[in-house]
C-alpha cells in the first residue's frame, strides 16, 4: 500500500513539474468558460440597422424611436432609396434595413393596416432570424399600445412563459456544454498522454514488472487526474454561479457524484486511447479529433439532436457527453433528482465498464 501511495505521489510531482500540463489543466477551463460565457451568445445587442422611411410622418418616427430606444438595435443610417440597400449590406456593418411604405400613417388610419418590410442580411441565418423576431415583437408592442382602448369581439392572445431560463440567457446552454468538453478533454487527453509517454519512453513495461500490480499502475496513473478534473469541475461551477449567475436548482451532492462518474468514464476512454496510440502526438490527435468534434457537434451542446438526420441521431447515442449534458442540465436548471436521470446515469456506468474491460483486454494483449 505504501508503494502504491508513493507511486501516486510521484505522479502528482510529474504533473506539477510540467508547466504545459498545468496550463492545459487549469488555464484552459477558465479561458473556455469565460470565452463561451461572454463572447459566444445567441442574443443580440446594439445590432446596427438602417431605416428607409418613405412616409416620414409622426407614426413612423415614433416606431423608429421605439426601436432605437431598445438595447437590441442601433439605428446607424437613414437611407433615401432602395438602391442603397444592397451596397449597405455589402459593407457588412448593417445587418438589417427597415422599410416603411409610403403614406404609412394615412393607411394605418384609413385602412387599419400598414406595412413595414424587414430586410435582413441572412449570411448569418440565426442572427437574421433573431433580428426579425425582435423587430416584430417591438412593432407588436407598439400596436398593442395604440389599440389598448379598442375592443374586439373575439380575440385570441397567446401568452408565452419560459421556464428554467426565463431570460433566455445563452450562457445557461453553454456552461453545461463547456463543463462537459473540459472534463472530457482533461480526463481523456491527459490520461492517454500520460500513459503513452511511459510507453514511448519504454518505462511502462518496467512499471508493470515492478512490485506494483498492473492494475495498480493504471489506477495510480488515473487517480491524480480524477483529483484534478474534480477541481476543474468545482472551478467551472463556481464561475458559472458567481460570474454568470447560473442557478443550481438541484442537489450539489448529486451534481458532484454525476460529475465524478463522467470523469471516470472519460478517464477510461483515455486509457483505451492509450492502448491504441503509440506516441503522445498520436494520443493527442485522437483525443482532440476523436473526442472534441463529436462532443461539440453530436452531443446537443450547440446543435439540437432532434434536428439532425436520423443516422447522426443514432451515432449521438454512443457519445458519453450527450448523456452527461442531459444530466447536468436537469440538475442545474430543472432541479431534478436521480429518479429523472437514472437512465442516463446507467448508460454512463455501462459505457465506463465497457471502456475499462476493453482497455484491460487490450493492455494484456499488448504487454504479453
Protein backbone atom coordinates (compact mmCIF):
# COMPACT_ATOMS: atom_id res chain seq x y z
CA UNK A 1 0.00 0.00 0.00
CA UNK A 2 2.88 2.35 0.80
CA UNK A 3 4.38 1.66 -2.63
CA UNK A 4 1.03 2.44 -4.25
CA UNK A 5 0.66 5.74 -2.36
CA UNK A 6 4.24 6.61 -3.20
CA UNK A 7 3.56 5.92 -6.88
CA UNK A 8 0.51 8.23 -6.85
CA UNK A 9 2.60 10.93 -5.11
CA UNK A 10 5.23 10.58 -7.83
CA UNK A 11 2.58 11.09 -10.49
CA UNK A 12 1.45 14.31 -8.83
CA UNK A 13 5.06 15.53 -8.84
CA UNK A 14 5.34 14.73 -12.55
CA UNK A 15 2.18 16.69 -13.33
CA UNK A 16 3.10 19.77 -11.28
CA UNK A 17 6.60 19.89 -12.78
CA UNK A 18 5.19 20.06 -16.31
CA UNK A 19 4.12 23.70 -16.84
CA UNK A 20 2.41 22.92 -20.14
CA UNK A 21 0.24 20.27 -18.49
CA UNK A 22 -0.65 22.68 -15.71
CA UNK A 23 -1.68 25.31 -18.24
CA UNK A 24 -3.94 22.80 -20.02
CA UNK A 25 -5.36 21.53 -16.75
CA UNK A 26 -6.13 24.88 -15.10
CA UNK A 27 -5.79 27.59 -17.75
CA UNK A 28 -7.96 26.02 -20.42
CA UNK A 29 -11.09 25.58 -18.24
CA UNK A 30 -11.10 29.21 -17.08
CA UNK A 31 -10.38 30.55 -20.58
CA UNK A 32 -13.07 28.42 -22.21
CA UNK A 33 -15.79 29.14 -19.68
CA UNK A 34 -15.15 32.89 -19.93
CA UNK A 35 -14.94 32.76 -23.73
CA UNK A 36 -18.17 30.81 -24.14
CA UNK A 37 -19.92 32.79 -21.43
CA UNK A 38 -19.11 36.27 -22.69
CA UNK A 39 -18.21 36.02 -26.38
CA UNK A 40 -20.42 33.26 -27.77
CA UNK A 41 -24.09 34.06 -27.46
CA UNK A 42 -27.35 33.66 -29.35
CA UNK A 43 -28.58 37.02 -28.08
CA UNK A 44 -28.27 40.30 -29.97
CA UNK A 45 -27.31 43.69 -28.55
CA UNK A 46 -26.78 47.02 -30.32
CA UNK A 47 -27.08 45.50 -33.79
CA UNK A 48 -26.58 48.15 -36.48
CA UNK A 49 -29.66 48.70 -38.66
CA UNK A 50 -30.67 51.21 -41.34
CA UNK A 51 -34.03 52.86 -41.96
CA UNK A 52 -35.75 53.61 -45.27
CA UNK A 53 -38.69 55.80 -44.31
CA UNK A 54 -40.74 56.58 -47.42
CA UNK A 55 -43.52 58.17 -45.40
CA UNK A 56 -41.64 60.40 -42.90
CA UNK A 57 -44.68 61.03 -40.71
CA UNK A 58 -45.21 61.12 -36.96
CA UNK A 59 -46.17 57.45 -36.70
CA UNK A 60 -43.10 56.12 -38.48
CA UNK A 61 -40.87 58.41 -36.41
CA UNK A 62 -42.47 57.13 -33.23
CA UNK A 63 -41.83 53.50 -34.23
CA UNK A 64 -38.25 54.30 -35.24
CA UNK A 65 -37.65 55.97 -31.88
CA UNK A 66 -39.10 52.96 -30.08
CA UNK A 67 -36.79 50.60 -31.98
CA UNK A 68 -33.75 52.84 -31.43
CA UNK A 69 -34.51 53.09 -27.71
CA UNK A 70 -34.30 49.32 -27.25
CA UNK A 71 -30.99 47.75 -26.25
CA UNK A 72 -31.16 45.41 -29.23
CA UNK A 73 -30.75 47.87 -32.09
CA UNK A 74 -28.72 50.91 -33.02
CA UNK A 75 -30.01 53.00 -35.93
CA UNK A 76 -26.82 53.83 -37.83
CA UNK A 77 -28.11 55.17 -41.11
CA UNK A 78 -31.14 56.70 -42.76
CA UNK A 79 -31.28 55.92 -46.48
CA UNK A 80 -33.31 57.60 -49.17
CA UNK A 81 -33.99 54.85 -51.72
CA UNK A 82 -34.00 51.08 -52.14
CA UNK A 83 -30.98 51.06 -54.43
CA UNK A 84 -28.76 51.85 -51.43
CA UNK A 85 -29.77 48.69 -49.54
CA UNK A 86 -27.50 46.29 -51.40
CA UNK A 87 -24.42 48.49 -51.04
CA UNK A 88 -25.06 48.86 -47.30
CA UNK A 89 -25.25 45.10 -46.84
CA UNK A 90 -22.08 44.57 -48.87
CA UNK A 91 -20.15 46.78 -46.44
CA UNK A 92 -21.05 44.27 -43.73
CA UNK A 93 -21.78 46.58 -40.81
CA UNK A 94 -25.55 46.98 -41.13
CA UNK A 95 -27.41 43.72 -40.51
CA UNK A 96 -30.98 44.83 -41.30
CA UNK A 97 -32.95 47.53 -43.11
CA UNK A 98 -36.48 48.53 -42.10
CA UNK A 99 -38.61 49.89 -44.94
CA UNK A 100 -41.72 51.95 -44.11
CA UNK A 101 -44.12 52.23 -47.06
CA UNK A 102 -45.49 55.48 -48.49
CA UNK A 103 -48.35 57.17 -46.60
CA UNK A 104 -47.80 54.85 -43.63
CA UNK A 105 -49.81 56.87 -41.12
CA UNK A 106 -52.69 57.56 -43.53
CA UNK A 107 -53.04 53.88 -44.44
CA UNK A 108 -52.93 52.91 -40.79
CA UNK A 109 -55.71 55.38 -40.01
CA UNK A 110 -57.97 54.83 -43.04
CA UNK A 111 -57.33 51.19 -43.95
CA UNK A 112 -56.30 49.94 -40.49
CA UNK A 113 -53.22 48.34 -41.98
CA UNK A 114 -49.73 49.45 -42.98
CA UNK A 115 -46.58 47.59 -43.95
CA UNK A 116 -43.08 47.53 -42.52
CA UNK A 117 -40.66 45.43 -44.54
CA UNK A 118 -37.77 43.87 -42.59
CA UNK A 119 -34.82 43.11 -44.86
CA UNK A 120 -32.02 41.19 -43.12
CA UNK A 121 -28.54 40.03 -44.04
CA UNK A 122 -29.07 36.25 -43.98
CA UNK A 123 -25.40 35.32 -44.39
CA UNK A 124 -25.81 34.55 -40.69
CA UNK A 125 -29.27 32.87 -40.61
CA UNK A 126 -29.55 32.69 -36.81
CA UNK A 127 -28.82 36.40 -36.36
CA UNK A 128 -31.15 37.32 -39.23
CA UNK A 129 -33.98 35.29 -37.70
CA UNK A 130 -33.38 36.81 -34.27
CA UNK A 131 -33.37 40.36 -35.67
CA UNK A 132 -36.65 39.68 -37.48
CA UNK A 133 -38.28 38.27 -34.33
CA UNK A 134 -37.09 41.10 -32.09
CA UNK A 135 -38.22 43.77 -34.56
CA UNK A 136 -41.63 42.15 -34.99
CA UNK A 137 -42.00 41.99 -31.22
CA UNK A 138 -41.27 45.71 -30.81
CA UNK A 139 -43.77 46.60 -33.56
CA UNK A 140 -46.41 44.33 -31.98
CA UNK A 141 -45.91 46.02 -28.61
CA UNK A 142 -46.40 49.40 -30.27
CA UNK A 143 -49.55 48.10 -31.99
CA UNK A 144 -50.98 46.82 -28.72
CA UNK A 145 -50.29 50.19 -27.09
CA UNK A 146 -52.23 52.16 -29.71
CA UNK A 147 -55.08 49.61 -29.75
CA UNK A 148 -55.49 49.22 -25.99
CA UNK A 149 -58.80 51.16 -25.95
CA UNK A 150 -60.25 49.31 -28.96
CA UNK A 151 -62.49 46.38 -28.12
CA UNK A 152 -62.58 43.39 -30.43
CA UNK A 153 -65.45 40.87 -30.25
CA UNK A 154 -63.19 37.82 -30.28
CA UNK A 155 -59.52 37.98 -29.55
CA UNK A 156 -57.00 35.20 -29.01
CA UNK A 157 -53.93 36.38 -27.15
CA UNK A 158 -51.15 33.78 -26.86
CA UNK A 159 -49.09 34.14 -23.69
CA UNK A 160 -45.63 32.61 -23.54
CA UNK A 161 -43.87 31.66 -20.33
CA UNK A 162 -40.29 30.43 -20.44
CA UNK A 163 -39.48 28.01 -17.63
CA UNK A 164 -36.00 27.20 -16.25
CA UNK A 165 -34.43 30.05 -18.26
CA UNK A 166 -36.98 32.89 -18.41
CA UNK A 167 -34.46 35.47 -19.63
CA UNK A 168 -33.27 33.13 -22.41
CA UNK A 169 -29.64 33.53 -21.40
CA UNK A 170 -27.46 31.58 -23.82
CA UNK A 171 -24.82 31.11 -21.12
CA UNK A 172 -27.22 28.69 -19.42
CA UNK A 173 -26.85 26.49 -22.51
CA UNK A 174 -23.10 26.91 -22.92
CA UNK A 175 -21.92 26.30 -19.33
CA UNK A 176 -23.04 22.62 -19.18
CA UNK A 177 -21.52 22.04 -22.62
CA UNK A 178 -18.21 23.71 -21.75
CA UNK A 179 -18.04 21.76 -18.50
CA UNK A 180 -18.55 18.56 -20.48
CA UNK A 181 -15.86 19.44 -23.04
CA UNK A 182 -13.31 20.37 -20.39
CA UNK A 183 -13.88 17.31 -18.23
CA UNK A 184 -13.78 15.08 -21.30
CA UNK A 185 -10.57 16.57 -22.71
CA UNK A 186 -8.73 16.96 -19.42
CA UNK A 187 -9.61 13.47 -18.28
CA UNK A 188 -9.26 11.57 -21.55
CA UNK A 189 -6.49 13.52 -23.26
CA UNK A 190 -4.20 13.98 -20.26
CA UNK A 191 -4.59 10.35 -19.17
CA UNK A 192 -3.88 9.00 -22.66
CA UNK A 193 -0.83 11.24 -22.99
CA UNK A 194 0.47 10.31 -19.54
CA UNK A 195 0.29 6.56 -20.18
CA UNK A 196 1.51 6.87 -23.78
CA UNK A 197 4.51 8.87 -22.55
CA UNK A 198 5.58 5.92 -20.41
CA UNK A 199 5.15 3.57 -23.37
CA UNK A 200 7.02 5.92 -25.70
CA UNK A 201 9.95 6.18 -23.28
CA UNK A 202 9.95 2.43 -22.67
CA UNK A 203 9.23 2.77 -18.95
CA UNK A 204 5.69 1.35 -18.96
CA UNK A 205 6.90 -2.25 -19.13
CA UNK A 206 9.35 -1.52 -16.31
CA UNK A 207 6.48 -0.20 -14.19
CA UNK A 208 4.36 -3.26 -14.94
CA UNK A 209 7.09 -5.68 -13.81
CA UNK A 210 7.67 -3.67 -10.63
CA UNK A 211 6.27 -4.88 -7.26
CA UNK A 212 3.11 -2.98 -8.12
CA UNK A 213 0.45 -4.99 -9.91
CA UNK A 214 -0.54 -3.85 -13.43
CA UNK A 215 -3.97 -2.60 -12.36
CA UNK A 216 -2.33 -0.61 -9.54
CA UNK A 217 -0.07 1.10 -12.07
CA UNK A 218 -3.04 2.06 -14.22
CA UNK A 219 -5.07 3.24 -11.21
CA UNK A 220 -2.04 5.17 -9.94
CA UNK A 221 -1.82 6.93 -13.30
CA UNK A 222 -5.54 7.74 -13.27
CA UNK A 223 -6.10 8.90 -9.65
CA UNK A 224 -4.24 12.26 -9.99
CA UNK A 225 -6.36 13.18 -13.00
CA UNK A 226 -9.56 12.32 -11.16
CA UNK A 227 -8.49 14.74 -8.43
CA UNK A 228 -7.52 17.47 -10.91
CA UNK A 229 -10.68 17.02 -13.01
CA UNK A 230 -12.81 17.36 -9.87
CA UNK A 231 -11.04 20.65 -9.12
CA UNK A 232 -11.82 21.79 -12.66
CA UNK A 233 -15.48 20.88 -12.22
CA UNK A 234 -15.62 22.88 -8.97
CA UNK A 235 -13.97 25.90 -10.65
CA UNK A 236 -16.44 25.77 -13.55
CA UNK A 237 -19.47 25.54 -11.26
CA UNK A 238 -18.20 28.42 -9.11
CA UNK A 239 -17.55 30.60 -12.18
CA UNK A 240 -21.00 29.83 -13.57
CA UNK A 241 -22.68 30.69 -10.26
CA UNK A 242 -20.79 33.83 -9.26
CA UNK A 243 -19.90 35.35 -12.65
CA UNK A 244 -22.74 34.24 -14.93
CA UNK A 245 -25.40 33.94 -12.20
CA UNK A 246 -26.35 30.45 -13.33
CA UNK A 247 -28.60 28.73 -10.79
CA UNK A 248 -28.05 25.26 -9.38
CA UNK A 249 -31.61 24.17 -8.66
CA UNK A 250 -30.82 20.56 -7.80
CA UNK A 251 -28.63 18.74 -5.29
CA UNK A 252 -24.95 19.73 -5.24
CA UNK A 253 -24.13 16.25 -3.95
CA UNK A 254 -25.88 14.61 -6.90
CA UNK A 255 -24.13 17.04 -9.27
CA UNK A 256 -20.78 16.11 -7.73
CA UNK A 257 -21.44 12.36 -7.97
CA UNK A 258 -22.59 12.57 -11.59
CA UNK A 259 -19.54 14.69 -12.45
CA UNK A 260 -17.21 12.14 -10.88
CA UNK A 261 -18.96 9.37 -12.81
CA UNK A 262 -18.44 11.27 -16.08
CA UNK A 263 -14.81 11.94 -15.16
CA UNK A 264 -14.24 8.22 -14.61
CA UNK A 265 -15.98 7.49 -17.93
CA UNK A 266 -13.65 9.95 -19.67
CA UNK A 267 -10.60 8.53 -17.90
CA UNK A 268 -11.48 5.02 -19.00
CA UNK A 269 -11.82 6.33 -22.55
CA UNK A 270 -8.39 7.95 -22.19
CA UNK A 271 -6.90 4.63 -21.12
CA UNK A 272 -8.48 3.00 -24.16
CA UNK A 273 -6.92 5.66 -26.41
CA UNK A 274 -3.53 5.00 -24.83
CA UNK A 275 -3.79 1.33 -25.88
CA UNK A 276 -4.27 2.41 -29.50
CA UNK A 277 -1.73 5.25 -29.68
CA UNK A 278 2.00 4.53 -29.74
CA UNK A 279 3.12 8.16 -29.27
CA UNK A 280 1.98 11.19 -27.32
CA UNK A 281 1.31 13.12 -30.52
CA UNK A 282 -0.96 10.36 -31.82
CA UNK A 283 -2.79 10.19 -28.49
CA UNK A 284 -3.35 13.96 -28.51
CA UNK A 285 -4.64 13.94 -32.09
CA UNK A 286 -7.03 11.07 -31.38
CA UNK A 287 -8.26 12.84 -28.25
CA UNK A 288 -8.77 16.19 -29.95
CA UNK A 289 -10.23 14.99 -33.25
CA UNK A 290 -11.99 11.90 -31.96
CA UNK A 291 -13.48 13.47 -28.85
CA UNK A 292 -13.73 17.24 -29.20
CA UNK A 293 -15.54 17.37 -32.54
CA UNK A 294 -18.17 14.72 -31.63
CA UNK A 295 -18.72 16.41 -28.25
CA UNK A 296 -19.33 19.78 -29.89
CA UNK A 297 -21.32 18.56 -32.90
CA UNK A 298 -23.22 15.46 -31.73
CA UNK A 299 -23.82 15.92 -28.01
CA UNK A 300 -26.56 18.53 -28.22
CA UNK A 301 -24.17 21.12 -26.79
CA UNK A 302 -24.79 23.68 -29.56
CA UNK A 303 -26.97 21.97 -32.17
CA UNK A 304 -30.25 20.24 -31.20
CA UNK A 305 -30.03 16.50 -31.81
CA UNK A 306 -33.69 16.30 -32.86
CA UNK A 307 -32.89 18.49 -35.88
CA UNK A 308 -30.10 16.21 -37.12
CA UNK A 309 -30.50 13.49 -39.77
CA UNK A 310 -31.54 10.09 -38.39
CA UNK A 311 -28.08 8.46 -38.85
CA UNK A 312 -26.40 11.23 -36.81
CA UNK A 313 -29.05 10.91 -34.10
CA UNK A 314 -28.19 7.21 -33.81
CA UNK A 315 -24.45 7.98 -33.64
CA UNK A 316 -25.07 10.57 -30.91
CA UNK A 317 -26.26 7.78 -28.60
CA UNK A 318 -22.68 6.46 -28.30
CA UNK A 319 -21.29 9.88 -27.29
CA UNK A 320 -20.94 9.92 -23.47
CA UNK A 321 -21.08 13.72 -23.45
CA UNK A 322 -24.67 13.65 -24.73
CA UNK A 323 -25.90 11.84 -21.64
CA UNK A 324 -23.87 13.97 -19.23
CA UNK A 325 -25.22 17.20 -20.74
CA UNK A 326 -28.77 15.91 -20.21
CA UNK A 327 -27.87 15.06 -16.61
CA UNK A 328 -26.16 18.34 -15.79
CA UNK A 329 -28.88 20.48 -17.37
CA UNK A 330 -31.50 18.51 -15.47
CA UNK A 331 -29.75 19.02 -12.14
CA UNK A 332 -28.61 22.63 -12.56
CA UNK A 333 -31.57 24.16 -14.40
CA UNK A 334 -34.55 21.89 -13.64
CA UNK A 335 -33.58 20.71 -10.17
CA UNK A 336 -34.35 17.08 -10.94
CA UNK A 337 -33.28 14.16 -8.78
CA UNK A 338 -31.92 10.72 -9.59
CA UNK A 339 -35.47 9.49 -10.29
CA UNK A 340 -35.47 11.52 -13.52
CA UNK A 341 -31.90 10.86 -14.70
CA UNK A 342 -31.37 7.24 -13.69
CA UNK A 343 -31.44 6.04 -17.29
CA UNK A 344 -28.69 8.45 -18.39
CA UNK A 345 -26.68 7.53 -15.29
CA UNK A 346 -26.91 3.81 -16.05
CA UNK A 347 -25.81 4.46 -19.65
CA UNK A 348 -22.67 6.25 -18.38
CA UNK A 349 -21.98 3.41 -15.95
CA UNK A 350 -22.33 0.86 -18.77
CA UNK A 351 -20.03 2.88 -21.02
CA UNK A 352 -17.44 3.13 -18.24
CA UNK A 353 -17.45 -0.60 -17.67
CA UNK A 354 -17.22 -1.25 -21.41
CA UNK A 355 -14.22 1.07 -21.86
CA UNK A 356 -12.48 -0.39 -18.81
CA UNK A 357 -12.96 -4.01 -19.85
CA UNK A 358 -11.82 -3.28 -23.40
CA UNK A 359 -8.79 -1.33 -22.14
CA UNK A 360 -7.69 -4.09 -19.76
CA UNK A 361 -8.08 -6.67 -22.52
CA UNK A 362 -6.00 -4.66 -24.95
CA UNK A 363 -3.32 -3.97 -22.38
CA UNK A 364 -2.95 -7.68 -21.68
CA UNK A 365 -2.62 -8.38 -25.38
CA UNK A 366 -0.12 -5.59 -25.85
CA UNK A 367 2.13 -6.49 -22.94
CA UNK A 368 2.30 -10.25 -23.38
